[in-house]
Structure formats: structure tokens, C-alpha cells
Amino acid sequence: MNKIATNLQDCFILEPARFGDERGYYSPVYIAPELAELGFQGIAQISRSKSSRGILRGMHFQKGDYAQAKIVEVLQGAVIDVVIDLRPDSSSYRKFTSVYLDAEDNRQLYIPRGFAHGFLSLADNTIFQYYVDNAYAPDQEDGIAWDDPEIGINWQEIFSEYGIEEPMLSEKDQHRHTITEYEQEQSK
């Protein structure tokens, strides 16, 4: 498995090996010892979501002992996957990265604990899969505003590049706090 560093500390694009011929291919997409070296503590849950083109999900995370590391991939369709480093002791604190993932490129993104995560679906019927290393705890779920100007994710450029006029958001994602509000809440 090829590991490509991003601009965020401990966050990697993963390229599983692919072996194929005219019949198709075989690809080992989860190799526990290699992923453990990155800090992934094993699979506690595997989840999938299905999204229409223009759906924006994010920027989500779980807090405290319920924080989750994730390995994400697209099984059908395409997304722009975006993560924000929320770890105050990290050299990439408050920075983000965005990665194009689709069903054809065989790429994954490893997202450590302490990151907010979201994605924009670029195609109808996009199926997105998450390998998660900690159980879901609804009372520990939180998020940062997807368009927080302090983070400065280049959403307008992304929308323009992919012909999306306005993202579709859940009710919850329309009312998330900014990173400053989140930090103030954590310091109480």
C-alpha cells in the first residue's frame, strides 16, 4: 500500500496495490499491520452513505474518548473529501486538505483522530464507505461550520470547477459553530 503525505500532519492518501488483467482486478484495501503503523486501531464499524450530486456532508467529528480515526473511500461515483486538523498540539492545527476520490482510482484517505471530516458528492448515487476505529456515540458527535471563514476551505472554487451552484446540506450542518466557537466551548 502506497502512502502519500498530505499537508496535514499524520493524514495520508492511501493507494492500495491493484493486481489485474482483462478479467478485472484484485486489491487488498485493508492491511491491518500497515494501517496500525499510521495509528489506526482496527475496525470498530464500517459504514456507507449514498449521496446525490451536490450533497455536502460535514464537517463532522466525535469528541474525547469517542474520537474516531477513519479510512474512507468511494465505491461508486466521486467526491471531494475534505478534512480539518483540530488537534491544538499539531503542526497543521486549523489547516485543511481536500482530496478527489472516485470509484476508479482505488485511493483512500486516512483521517486520524482529532480531525473534522466532510465531503461533497460530485455524482448522483455516490456511495461512500468509512472504516472507523471507534464506535459511534451520538451524544459525542459534533461539527464545525463547513464554510467557516477562519478555516477558508476553497468551496467556491470547488463548486465552480464541478458545476455545482449551491450545496445541499442537512439541517444540522446548516447550523454548526465556527472553530473559534468550538475552541471557546472546549476551554470552559
N, C-alpha and C. Protein backbone atom coordinates (compact mmCIF):
# COMPACT_ATOMS: atom_id res chain seq x y z
N MET A 1 0.85 -1.19 0.00
CA MET A 1 0.00 0.00 0.00
C MET A 1 0.89 1.24 0.00
N ASN A 2 0.68 2.09 -1.00
CA ASN A 2 1.44 3.32 -1.10
C ASN A 2 0.80 4.38 -0.21
N LYS A 3 1.62 5.07 0.59
CA LYS A 3 1.14 6.12 1.48
C LYS A 3 1.69 7.46 1.01
N ILE A 4 0.81 8.40 0.72
CA ILE A 4 1.20 9.71 0.22
C ILE A 4 0.86 10.75 1.28
N ALA A 5 1.87 11.47 1.75
CA ALA A 5 1.65 12.50 2.77
C ALA A 5 0.82 13.64 2.19
N THR A 6 -0.03 14.22 3.02
CA THR A 6 -0.77 15.43 2.66
C THR A 6 -0.10 16.60 3.40
N ASN A 7 -0.67 17.77 3.29
CA ASN A 7 -0.15 18.92 4.02
C ASN A 7 -0.52 18.88 5.50
N LEU A 8 -1.29 17.87 5.92
CA LEU A 8 -1.70 17.75 7.32
C LEU A 8 -0.90 16.66 8.01
N GLN A 9 -0.43 16.96 9.19
CA GLN A 9 0.34 16.01 9.98
C GLN A 9 -0.48 14.74 10.22
N ASP A 10 0.09 13.58 9.91
CA ASP A 10 -0.48 12.25 10.17
C ASP A 10 -1.64 11.87 9.25
N CYS A 11 -2.00 12.67 8.28
CA CYS A 11 -3.10 12.39 7.36
C CYS A 11 -2.51 11.96 6.02
N PHE A 12 -2.96 10.80 5.49
CA PHE A 12 -2.34 10.24 4.29
C PHE A 12 -3.38 9.80 3.25
N ILE A 13 -3.03 10.00 1.99
CA ILE A 13 -3.74 9.36 0.89
C ILE A 13 -3.16 7.96 0.79
N LEU A 14 -4.02 6.97 0.70
CA LEU A 14 -3.58 5.58 0.60
C LEU A 14 -3.91 5.06 -0.80
N GLU A 15 -2.95 4.38 -1.39
CA GLU A 15 -3.16 3.75 -2.69
C GLU A 15 -2.90 2.26 -2.55
N PRO A 16 -3.96 1.48 -2.31
CA PRO A 16 -3.78 0.03 -2.23
C PRO A 16 -3.28 -0.52 -3.56
N ALA A 17 -2.44 -1.54 -3.49
CA ALA A 17 -1.96 -2.19 -4.71
C ALA A 17 -3.16 -2.75 -5.47
N ARG A 18 -3.04 -2.79 -6.77
CA ARG A 18 -4.10 -3.35 -7.62
C ARG A 18 -3.44 -4.31 -8.60
N PHE A 19 -3.93 -5.53 -8.62
CA PHE A 19 -3.41 -6.57 -9.50
C PHE A 19 -4.52 -6.97 -10.45
N GLY A 20 -4.29 -6.83 -11.75
CA GLY A 20 -5.38 -7.13 -12.66
C GLY A 20 -4.94 -7.52 -14.04
N ASP A 21 -5.92 -7.96 -14.80
CA ASP A 21 -5.75 -8.29 -16.21
C ASP A 21 -7.09 -8.05 -16.89
N GLU A 22 -7.28 -8.65 -18.07
CA GLU A 22 -8.51 -8.40 -18.83
C GLU A 22 -9.77 -8.85 -18.10
N ARG A 23 -9.64 -9.69 -17.07
CA ARG A 23 -10.78 -10.19 -16.31
C ARG A 23 -11.26 -9.20 -15.24
N GLY A 24 -10.38 -8.28 -14.84
CA GLY A 24 -10.69 -7.36 -13.76
C GLY A 24 -9.48 -7.17 -12.88
N TYR A 25 -9.70 -6.94 -11.59
CA TYR A 25 -8.58 -6.74 -10.68
C TYR A 25 -8.88 -7.28 -9.30
N TYR A 26 -7.81 -7.39 -8.50
CA TYR A 26 -7.85 -7.75 -7.09
C TYR A 26 -7.05 -6.69 -6.37
N SER A 27 -7.57 -6.21 -5.21
CA SER A 27 -6.88 -5.16 -4.47
C SER A 27 -7.08 -5.36 -2.97
N PRO A 28 -6.00 -5.57 -2.21
CA PRO A 28 -6.13 -5.63 -0.75
C PRO A 28 -6.27 -4.21 -0.19
N VAL A 29 -7.49 -3.83 0.20
CA VAL A 29 -7.76 -2.44 0.60
C VAL A 29 -7.59 -2.19 2.10
N TYR A 30 -7.41 -3.26 2.87
CA TYR A 30 -7.23 -3.10 4.31
C TYR A 30 -6.17 -4.09 4.78
N ILE A 31 -5.01 -3.58 5.14
CA ILE A 31 -3.91 -4.42 5.64
C ILE A 31 -3.59 -3.92 7.05
N ALA A 32 -4.07 -4.65 8.04
CA ALA A 32 -4.03 -4.20 9.44
C ALA A 32 -2.65 -3.74 9.91
N PRO A 33 -1.57 -4.51 9.71
CA PRO A 33 -0.27 -4.04 10.22
C PRO A 33 0.18 -2.70 9.60
N GLU A 34 -0.06 -2.51 8.31
CA GLU A 34 0.35 -1.26 7.67
C GLU A 34 -0.47 -0.08 8.20
N LEU A 35 -1.76 -0.30 8.42
CA LEU A 35 -2.61 0.77 8.93
C LEU A 35 -2.35 1.05 10.40
N ALA A 36 -1.97 0.04 11.15
CA ALA A 36 -1.62 0.23 12.56
C ALA A 36 -0.40 1.15 12.68
N GLU A 37 0.52 1.05 11.73
CA GLU A 37 1.69 1.94 11.73
C GLU A 37 1.28 3.42 11.63
N LEU A 38 0.14 3.68 11.01
CA LEU A 38 -0.36 5.05 10.89
C LEU A 38 -1.10 5.51 12.14
N GLY A 39 -1.49 4.54 12.99
CA GLY A 39 -2.23 4.86 14.20
C GLY A 39 -3.66 4.34 14.18
N PHE A 40 -4.07 3.68 13.11
CA PHE A 40 -5.42 3.14 13.03
C PHE A 40 -5.52 1.93 13.94
N GLN A 41 -6.50 1.93 14.85
CA GLN A 41 -6.56 0.93 15.91
C GLN A 41 -7.45 -0.27 15.60
N GLY A 42 -7.81 -0.45 14.35
CA GLY A 42 -8.65 -1.58 13.97
C GLY A 42 -10.08 -1.14 13.73
N ILE A 43 -10.82 -1.96 13.05
CA ILE A 43 -12.17 -1.60 12.65
C ILE A 43 -13.16 -1.87 13.77
N ALA A 44 -13.86 -0.82 14.20
CA ALA A 44 -14.96 -0.95 15.15
C ALA A 44 -16.30 -0.91 14.40
N GLN A 45 -16.29 -0.28 13.22
CA GLN A 45 -17.53 -0.12 12.46
C GLN A 45 -17.18 0.17 11.01
N ILE A 46 -17.98 -0.35 10.10
CA ILE A 46 -17.90 0.00 8.68
C ILE A 46 -19.25 0.59 8.31
N SER A 47 -19.23 1.78 7.71
CA SER A 47 -20.47 2.46 7.35
C SER A 47 -20.41 2.89 5.90
N ARG A 48 -21.60 3.08 5.31
CA ARG A 48 -21.71 3.59 3.95
C ARG A 48 -22.76 4.68 3.92
N SER A 49 -22.56 5.62 3.01
CA SER A 49 -23.60 6.61 2.75
C SER A 49 -23.81 6.68 1.25
N LYS A 50 -25.01 7.07 0.87
CA LYS A 50 -25.34 7.28 -0.54
C LYS A 50 -25.77 8.73 -0.67
N SER A 51 -25.22 9.42 -1.66
CA SER A 51 -25.49 10.85 -1.82
C SER A 51 -25.74 11.20 -3.28
N SER A 52 -26.61 12.18 -3.47
CA SER A 52 -26.83 12.75 -4.80
C SER A 52 -25.75 13.79 -5.08
N ARG A 53 -25.63 14.16 -6.33
CA ARG A 53 -24.69 15.21 -6.73
C ARG A 53 -25.05 16.50 -6.00
N GLY A 54 -24.04 17.17 -5.45
CA GLY A 54 -24.23 18.44 -4.77
C GLY A 54 -24.49 18.33 -3.28
N ILE A 55 -24.61 17.12 -2.75
CA ILE A 55 -24.77 16.94 -1.30
C ILE A 55 -23.42 17.22 -0.63
N LEU A 56 -23.43 18.06 0.38
CA LEU A 56 -22.23 18.33 1.16
C LEU A 56 -22.48 17.80 2.58
N ARG A 57 -21.66 16.87 3.00
CA ARG A 57 -21.76 16.30 4.35
C ARG A 57 -20.52 16.73 5.12
N GLY A 58 -20.73 17.42 6.23
CA GLY A 58 -19.56 17.79 7.03
C GLY A 58 -19.69 19.18 7.62
N MET A 59 -18.79 19.49 8.44
CA MET A 59 -17.52 18.88 8.82
C MET A 59 -17.69 18.21 10.20
N HIS A 60 -17.71 16.89 10.23
CA HIS A 60 -18.10 16.11 11.40
C HIS A 60 -16.92 15.49 12.14
N PHE A 61 -17.15 15.25 13.43
CA PHE A 61 -16.18 14.52 14.26
C PHE A 61 -16.87 14.09 15.54
N GLN A 62 -16.19 13.21 16.29
CA GLN A 62 -16.63 12.84 17.63
C GLN A 62 -15.57 13.32 18.61
N LYS A 63 -16.01 13.62 19.84
CA LYS A 63 -15.14 14.23 20.84
C LYS A 63 -14.59 13.21 21.83
N GLY A 64 -13.50 13.63 22.49
CA GLY A 64 -12.96 12.91 23.65
C GLY A 64 -12.64 11.45 23.39
N ASP A 65 -13.05 10.60 24.34
CA ASP A 65 -12.78 9.16 24.23
C ASP A 65 -13.49 8.52 23.06
N TYR A 66 -14.41 9.23 22.45
CA TYR A 66 -15.17 8.69 21.33
C TYR A 66 -14.66 9.19 19.98
N ALA A 67 -13.52 9.87 19.99
CA ALA A 67 -12.92 10.32 18.73
C ALA A 67 -12.70 9.11 17.82
N GLN A 68 -12.75 9.35 16.54
CA GLN A 68 -12.62 8.26 15.56
C GLN A 68 -11.56 8.59 14.53
N ALA A 69 -10.73 7.60 14.24
CA ALA A 69 -9.91 7.65 13.03
C ALA A 69 -10.71 6.95 11.94
N LYS A 70 -10.52 7.38 10.70
CA LYS A 70 -11.30 6.84 9.59
C LYS A 70 -10.40 6.56 8.40
N ILE A 71 -10.77 5.54 7.68
CA ILE A 71 -10.25 5.30 6.34
C ILE A 71 -11.47 5.38 5.45
N VAL A 72 -11.46 6.29 4.48
CA VAL A 72 -12.63 6.50 3.65
C VAL A 72 -12.29 6.23 2.19
N GLU A 73 -13.32 5.80 1.45
CA GLU A 73 -13.15 5.54 0.02
C GLU A 73 -14.49 5.65 -0.68
N VAL A 74 -14.45 5.81 -1.98
CA VAL A 74 -15.65 5.89 -2.80
C VAL A 74 -15.80 4.58 -3.55
N LEU A 75 -16.96 3.95 -3.40
CA LEU A 75 -17.25 2.70 -4.09
C LEU A 75 -17.97 2.93 -5.41
N GLN A 76 -18.67 4.05 -5.50
CA GLN A 76 -19.40 4.42 -6.72
C GLN A 76 -19.51 5.92 -6.75
N GLY A 77 -19.23 6.53 -7.90
CA GLY A 77 -19.32 7.98 -8.03
C GLY A 77 -18.00 8.67 -7.73
N ALA A 78 -18.09 9.89 -7.20
CA ALA A 78 -16.90 10.69 -6.93
C ALA A 78 -17.21 11.76 -5.89
N VAL A 79 -16.18 12.16 -5.15
CA VAL A 79 -16.31 13.21 -4.14
C VAL A 79 -15.05 14.07 -4.09
N ILE A 80 -15.21 15.24 -3.51
CA ILE A 80 -14.08 15.99 -2.97
C ILE A 80 -14.16 15.77 -1.47
N ASP A 81 -13.18 15.10 -0.92
CA ASP A 81 -13.14 14.80 0.51
C ASP A 81 -12.30 15.87 1.20
N VAL A 82 -12.79 16.39 2.31
CA VAL A 82 -12.12 17.50 3.00
C VAL A 82 -11.97 17.17 4.48
N VAL A 83 -10.79 17.44 5.03
CA VAL A 83 -10.55 17.25 6.45
C VAL A 83 -9.86 18.48 7.03
N ILE A 84 -10.15 18.73 8.32
CA ILE A 84 -9.55 19.84 9.06
C ILE A 84 -8.88 19.26 10.30
N ASP A 85 -7.64 19.64 10.55
CA ASP A 85 -6.91 19.20 11.74
C ASP A 85 -7.37 20.06 12.93
N LEU A 86 -8.00 19.41 13.91
CA LEU A 86 -8.49 20.11 15.10
C LEU A 86 -7.63 19.83 16.34
N ARG A 87 -6.44 19.28 16.15
CA ARG A 87 -5.58 18.93 17.28
C ARG A 87 -4.69 20.13 17.62
N PRO A 88 -4.93 20.79 18.77
CA PRO A 88 -4.17 22.00 19.10
C PRO A 88 -2.65 21.81 19.14
N ASP A 89 -2.18 20.60 19.43
CA ASP A 89 -0.74 20.36 19.51
C ASP A 89 -0.11 19.97 18.16
N SER A 90 -0.87 19.97 17.11
CA SER A 90 -0.39 19.56 15.79
C SER A 90 0.23 20.73 15.04
N SER A 91 1.23 20.43 14.23
CA SER A 91 1.85 21.47 13.39
C SER A 91 0.90 21.93 12.28
N SER A 92 -0.14 21.17 12.01
CA SER A 92 -1.10 21.56 10.97
C SER A 92 -2.46 21.95 11.56
N TYR A 93 -2.47 22.32 12.82
CA TYR A 93 -3.70 22.73 13.51
C TYR A 93 -4.42 23.83 12.73
N ARG A 94 -5.73 23.66 12.56
CA ARG A 94 -6.62 24.60 11.87
C ARG A 94 -6.42 24.63 10.36
N LYS A 95 -5.61 23.74 9.83
CA LYS A 95 -5.42 23.68 8.38
C LYS A 95 -6.31 22.58 7.81
N PHE A 96 -6.55 22.65 6.51
CA PHE A 96 -7.38 21.65 5.85
C PHE A 96 -6.66 21.09 4.63
N THR A 97 -7.16 19.98 4.16
CA THR A 97 -6.75 19.46 2.86
C THR A 97 -7.99 18.93 2.17
N SER A 98 -7.96 18.92 0.86
CA SER A 98 -9.04 18.33 0.08
C SER A 98 -8.45 17.37 -0.94
N VAL A 99 -9.15 16.25 -1.14
CA VAL A 99 -8.66 15.18 -1.99
C VAL A 99 -9.81 14.70 -2.87
N TYR A 100 -9.54 14.55 -4.15
CA TYR A 100 -10.52 13.96 -5.06
C TYR A 100 -10.45 12.44 -4.92
N LEU A 101 -11.60 11.82 -4.69
CA LEU A 101 -11.69 10.36 -4.62
C LEU A 101 -12.82 9.91 -5.54
N ASP A 102 -12.56 8.85 -6.31
CA ASP A 102 -13.64 8.28 -7.11
C ASP A 102 -13.55 6.76 -7.11
N ALA A 103 -14.54 6.13 -7.70
CA ALA A 103 -14.63 4.68 -7.66
C ALA A 103 -13.57 4.01 -8.54
N GLU A 104 -12.95 4.75 -9.44
CA GLU A 104 -12.00 4.16 -10.38
C GLU A 104 -10.55 4.23 -9.90
N ASP A 105 -10.21 5.22 -9.07
CA ASP A 105 -8.78 5.44 -8.78
C ASP A 105 -8.21 4.57 -7.67
N ASN A 106 -9.07 3.84 -6.94
CA ASN A 106 -8.60 2.91 -5.90
C ASN A 106 -7.88 3.62 -4.76
N ARG A 107 -8.15 4.91 -4.57
CA ARG A 107 -7.50 5.66 -3.50
C ARG A 107 -8.41 5.74 -2.28
N GLN A 108 -7.77 5.86 -1.12
CA GLN A 108 -8.45 6.05 0.15
C GLN A 108 -7.81 7.25 0.84
N LEU A 109 -8.47 7.73 1.88
CA LEU A 109 -7.87 8.77 2.71
C LEU A 109 -7.89 8.29 4.14
N TYR A 110 -6.72 8.35 4.79
CA TYR A 110 -6.62 8.02 6.22
C TYR A 110 -6.73 9.32 7.00
N ILE A 111 -7.72 9.38 7.91
CA ILE A 111 -8.00 10.57 8.71
C ILE A 111 -7.80 10.21 10.18
N PRO A 112 -6.79 10.75 10.84
CA PRO A 112 -6.54 10.42 12.24
C PRO A 112 -7.63 10.95 13.17
N ARG A 113 -7.62 10.46 14.39
CA ARG A 113 -8.49 11.03 15.43
C ARG A 113 -8.12 12.50 15.61
N GLY A 114 -9.15 13.30 15.91
CA GLY A 114 -8.90 14.73 16.13
C GLY A 114 -9.08 15.57 14.88
N PHE A 115 -9.66 15.01 13.84
CA PHE A 115 -9.91 15.74 12.60
C PHE A 115 -11.41 15.86 12.38
N ALA A 116 -11.83 16.96 11.76
CA ALA A 116 -13.19 17.08 11.25
C ALA A 116 -13.17 16.59 9.81
N HIS A 117 -14.25 15.95 9.38
CA HIS A 117 -14.30 15.34 8.06
C HIS A 117 -15.61 15.66 7.36
N GLY A 118 -15.52 15.85 6.06
CA GLY A 118 -16.70 16.04 5.24
C GLY A 118 -16.38 15.78 3.79
N PHE A 119 -17.44 15.75 2.97
CA PHE A 119 -17.21 15.58 1.53
C PHE A 119 -18.35 16.18 0.74
N LEU A 120 -18.04 16.51 -0.51
CA LEU A 120 -19.01 17.00 -1.48
C LEU A 120 -19.17 15.93 -2.54
N SER A 121 -20.39 15.45 -2.74
CA SER A 121 -20.66 14.45 -3.76
C SER A 121 -20.69 15.11 -5.13
N LEU A 122 -19.93 14.54 -6.06
CA LEU A 122 -19.83 15.09 -7.41
C LEU A 122 -20.68 14.35 -8.42
N ALA A 123 -21.35 13.27 -7.99
CA ALA A 123 -22.16 12.47 -8.91
C ALA A 123 -23.37 11.92 -8.18
N ASP A 124 -24.45 11.72 -8.91
CA ASP A 124 -25.61 11.07 -8.32
C ASP A 124 -25.25 9.64 -7.92
N ASN A 125 -25.90 9.18 -6.88
CA ASN A 125 -25.72 7.81 -6.40
C ASN A 125 -24.29 7.50 -5.98
N THR A 126 -23.60 8.50 -5.44
CA THR A 126 -22.26 8.26 -4.92
C THR A 126 -22.36 7.43 -3.64
N ILE A 127 -21.60 6.36 -3.60
CA ILE A 127 -21.56 5.51 -2.41
C ILE A 127 -20.18 5.67 -1.78
N PHE A 128 -20.21 6.12 -0.53
CA PHE A 128 -19.01 6.47 0.23
C PHE A 128 -18.90 5.51 1.40
N GLN A 129 -17.71 4.94 1.60
CA GLN A 129 -17.53 3.96 2.67
C GLN A 129 -16.51 4.44 3.69
N TYR A 130 -16.83 4.17 4.96
CA TYR A 130 -16.00 4.57 6.09
C TYR A 130 -15.58 3.32 6.87
N TYR A 131 -14.30 3.14 7.12
CA TYR A 131 -13.80 2.18 8.11
C TYR A 131 -13.46 3.04 9.32
N VAL A 132 -14.06 2.73 10.46
CA VAL A 132 -13.93 3.60 11.64
C VAL A 132 -13.37 2.78 12.80
N ASP A 133 -12.47 3.38 13.58
CA ASP A 133 -11.80 2.63 14.65
C ASP A 133 -12.42 2.80 16.04
N ASN A 134 -13.58 3.46 16.12
CA ASN A 134 -14.25 3.62 17.41
C ASN A 134 -15.75 3.68 17.15
N ALA A 135 -16.52 3.24 18.11
CA ALA A 135 -17.97 3.18 17.94
C ALA A 135 -18.59 4.57 17.82
N TYR A 136 -19.73 4.64 17.17
CA TYR A 136 -20.47 5.88 17.06
C TYR A 136 -21.17 6.18 18.39
N ALA A 137 -21.02 7.40 18.86
CA ALA A 137 -21.65 7.85 20.11
C ALA A 137 -22.40 9.14 19.81
N PRO A 138 -23.72 9.06 19.59
CA PRO A 138 -24.48 10.25 19.18
C PRO A 138 -24.30 11.46 20.09
N ASP A 139 -24.16 11.24 21.39
CA ASP A 139 -24.01 12.38 22.31
C ASP A 139 -22.62 13.00 22.27
N GLN A 140 -21.66 12.37 21.56
CA GLN A 140 -20.32 12.93 21.42
C GLN A 140 -20.04 13.46 20.02
N GLU A 141 -21.06 13.42 19.16
CA GLU A 141 -20.91 13.90 17.79
C GLU A 141 -20.94 15.43 17.78
N ASP A 142 -20.12 16.03 16.91
CA ASP A 142 -20.05 17.48 16.81
C ASP A 142 -19.63 17.84 15.39
N GLY A 143 -19.47 19.13 15.15
CA GLY A 143 -19.05 19.57 13.83
C GLY A 143 -18.66 21.03 13.82
N ILE A 144 -17.95 21.37 12.78
CA ILE A 144 -17.51 22.74 12.51
C ILE A 144 -18.27 23.20 11.26
N ALA A 145 -18.61 24.47 11.20
CA ALA A 145 -19.30 25.01 10.02
C ALA A 145 -18.48 24.72 8.77
N TRP A 146 -19.15 24.16 7.77
CA TRP A 146 -18.47 23.79 6.53
C TRP A 146 -17.84 24.99 5.83
N ASP A 147 -18.42 26.16 6.03
CA ASP A 147 -17.94 27.38 5.36
C ASP A 147 -17.30 28.38 6.32
N ASP A 148 -16.75 27.88 7.42
CA ASP A 148 -16.11 28.76 8.41
C ASP A 148 -15.01 29.57 7.73
N PRO A 149 -15.12 30.91 7.72
CA PRO A 149 -14.11 31.73 7.04
C PRO A 149 -12.72 31.64 7.68
N GLU A 150 -12.67 31.29 8.96
CA GLU A 150 -11.35 31.15 9.60
C GLU A 150 -10.58 29.96 9.05
N ILE A 151 -11.28 28.93 8.63
CA ILE A 151 -10.62 27.76 8.02
C ILE A 151 -10.33 28.07 6.56
N GLY A 152 -11.27 28.66 5.87
CA GLY A 152 -11.04 29.11 4.50
C GLY A 152 -11.01 28.02 3.44
N ILE A 153 -11.82 26.99 3.61
CA ILE A 153 -11.88 25.95 2.57
C ILE A 153 -12.36 26.61 1.28
N ASN A 154 -11.72 26.29 0.18
CA ASN A 154 -12.00 26.92 -1.11
C ASN A 154 -13.23 26.32 -1.79
N TRP A 155 -14.34 26.30 -1.06
CA TRP A 155 -15.56 25.68 -1.58
C TRP A 155 -16.02 26.33 -2.88
N GLN A 156 -15.98 27.66 -2.97
CA GLN A 156 -16.49 28.32 -4.18
C GLN A 156 -15.71 27.88 -5.41
N GLU A 157 -14.41 27.71 -5.29
CA GLU A 157 -13.60 27.20 -6.41
C GLU A 157 -14.02 25.78 -6.76
N ILE A 158 -14.25 24.96 -5.74
CA ILE A 158 -14.66 23.57 -5.96
C ILE A 158 -16.02 23.53 -6.64
N PHE A 159 -16.99 24.32 -6.13
CA PHE A 159 -18.32 24.36 -6.74
C PHE A 159 -18.21 24.77 -8.20
N SER A 160 -17.42 25.81 -8.46
CA SER A 160 -17.27 26.31 -9.83
C SER A 160 -16.64 25.25 -10.73
N GLU A 161 -15.60 24.61 -10.26
CA GLU A 161 -14.89 23.61 -11.07
C GLU A 161 -15.80 22.44 -11.45
N TYR A 162 -16.71 22.07 -10.55
CA TYR A 162 -17.55 20.90 -10.80
C TYR A 162 -19.01 21.26 -11.15
N GLY A 163 -19.27 22.55 -11.40
CA GLY A 163 -20.58 22.97 -11.85
C GLY A 163 -21.69 22.81 -10.83
N ILE A 164 -21.37 23.01 -9.57
CA ILE A 164 -22.37 22.93 -8.51
C ILE A 164 -22.70 24.35 -8.06
N GLU A 165 -23.96 24.72 -8.20
CA GLU A 165 -24.36 26.09 -7.87
C GLU A 165 -24.49 26.31 -6.38
N GLU A 166 -25.14 25.40 -5.70
CA GLU A 166 -25.39 25.53 -4.26
C GLU A 166 -25.36 24.15 -3.63
N PRO A 167 -24.59 23.93 -2.57
CA PRO A 167 -24.57 22.60 -1.95
C PRO A 167 -25.86 22.34 -1.19
N MET A 168 -26.22 21.08 -1.09
CA MET A 168 -27.37 20.68 -0.28
C MET A 168 -26.84 20.15 1.05
N LEU A 169 -27.38 20.71 2.15
CA LEU A 169 -26.88 20.40 3.48
C LEU A 169 -27.99 19.85 4.36
N SER A 170 -27.62 19.04 5.33
CA SER A 170 -28.59 18.62 6.34
C SER A 170 -28.92 19.82 7.22
N GLU A 171 -30.02 19.72 7.94
CA GLU A 171 -30.40 20.78 8.88
C GLU A 171 -29.28 21.02 9.90
N LYS A 172 -28.71 19.95 10.41
CA LYS A 172 -27.64 20.06 11.40
C LYS A 172 -26.43 20.81 10.84
N ASP A 173 -26.05 20.45 9.60
CA ASP A 173 -24.86 21.06 9.01
C ASP A 173 -25.06 22.51 8.62
N GLN A 174 -26.29 22.97 8.57
CA GLN A 174 -26.56 24.38 8.28
C GLN A 174 -26.33 25.27 9.50
N HIS A 175 -26.18 24.64 10.69
CA HIS A 175 -26.12 25.42 11.94
C HIS A 175 -24.96 25.01 12.84
N ARG A 176 -23.84 24.65 12.27
CA ARG A 176 -22.66 24.28 13.07
C ARG A 176 -21.93 25.53 13.54
N HIS A 177 -21.15 25.38 14.62
CA HIS A 177 -20.39 26.52 15.12
C HIS A 177 -19.06 26.68 14.38
N THR A 178 -18.47 27.86 14.51
CA THR A 178 -17.16 28.11 13.91
C THR A 178 -16.09 27.43 14.75
N ILE A 179 -14.90 27.37 14.24
CA ILE A 179 -13.81 26.76 15.01
C ILE A 179 -13.53 27.58 16.26
N THR A 180 -13.63 28.90 16.20
CA THR A 180 -13.41 29.73 17.40
C THR A 180 -14.47 29.44 18.45
N GLU A 181 -15.72 29.33 18.04
CA GLU A 181 -16.78 28.99 18.99
C GLU A 181 -16.55 27.61 19.60
N TYR A 182 -16.12 26.67 18.79
CA TYR A 182 -15.81 25.33 19.28
C TYR A 182 -14.68 25.38 20.31
N GLU A 183 -13.61 26.10 20.01
CA GLU A 183 -12.49 26.23 20.93
C GLU A 183 -12.91 26.87 22.25
N GLN A 184 -13.74 27.90 22.17
CA GLN A 184 -14.22 28.56 23.38
C GLN A 184 -15.05 27.60 24.22
N GLU A 185 -15.86 26.81 23.57
CA GLU A 185 -16.68 25.82 24.27
C GLU A 185 -15.80 24.77 24.97
N GLN A 186 -14.72 24.37 24.30
CA GLN A 186 -13.82 23.36 24.86
C GLN A 186 -13.03 23.88 26.05
N SER A 187 -12.77 25.21 26.08
CA SER A 187 -11.96 25.78 27.15
C SER A 187 -12.75 26.05 28.43
N LYS A 188 -14.05 25.84 28.39
CA LYS A 188 -14.89 26.10 29.58
C LYS A 188 -14.74 24.98 30.60
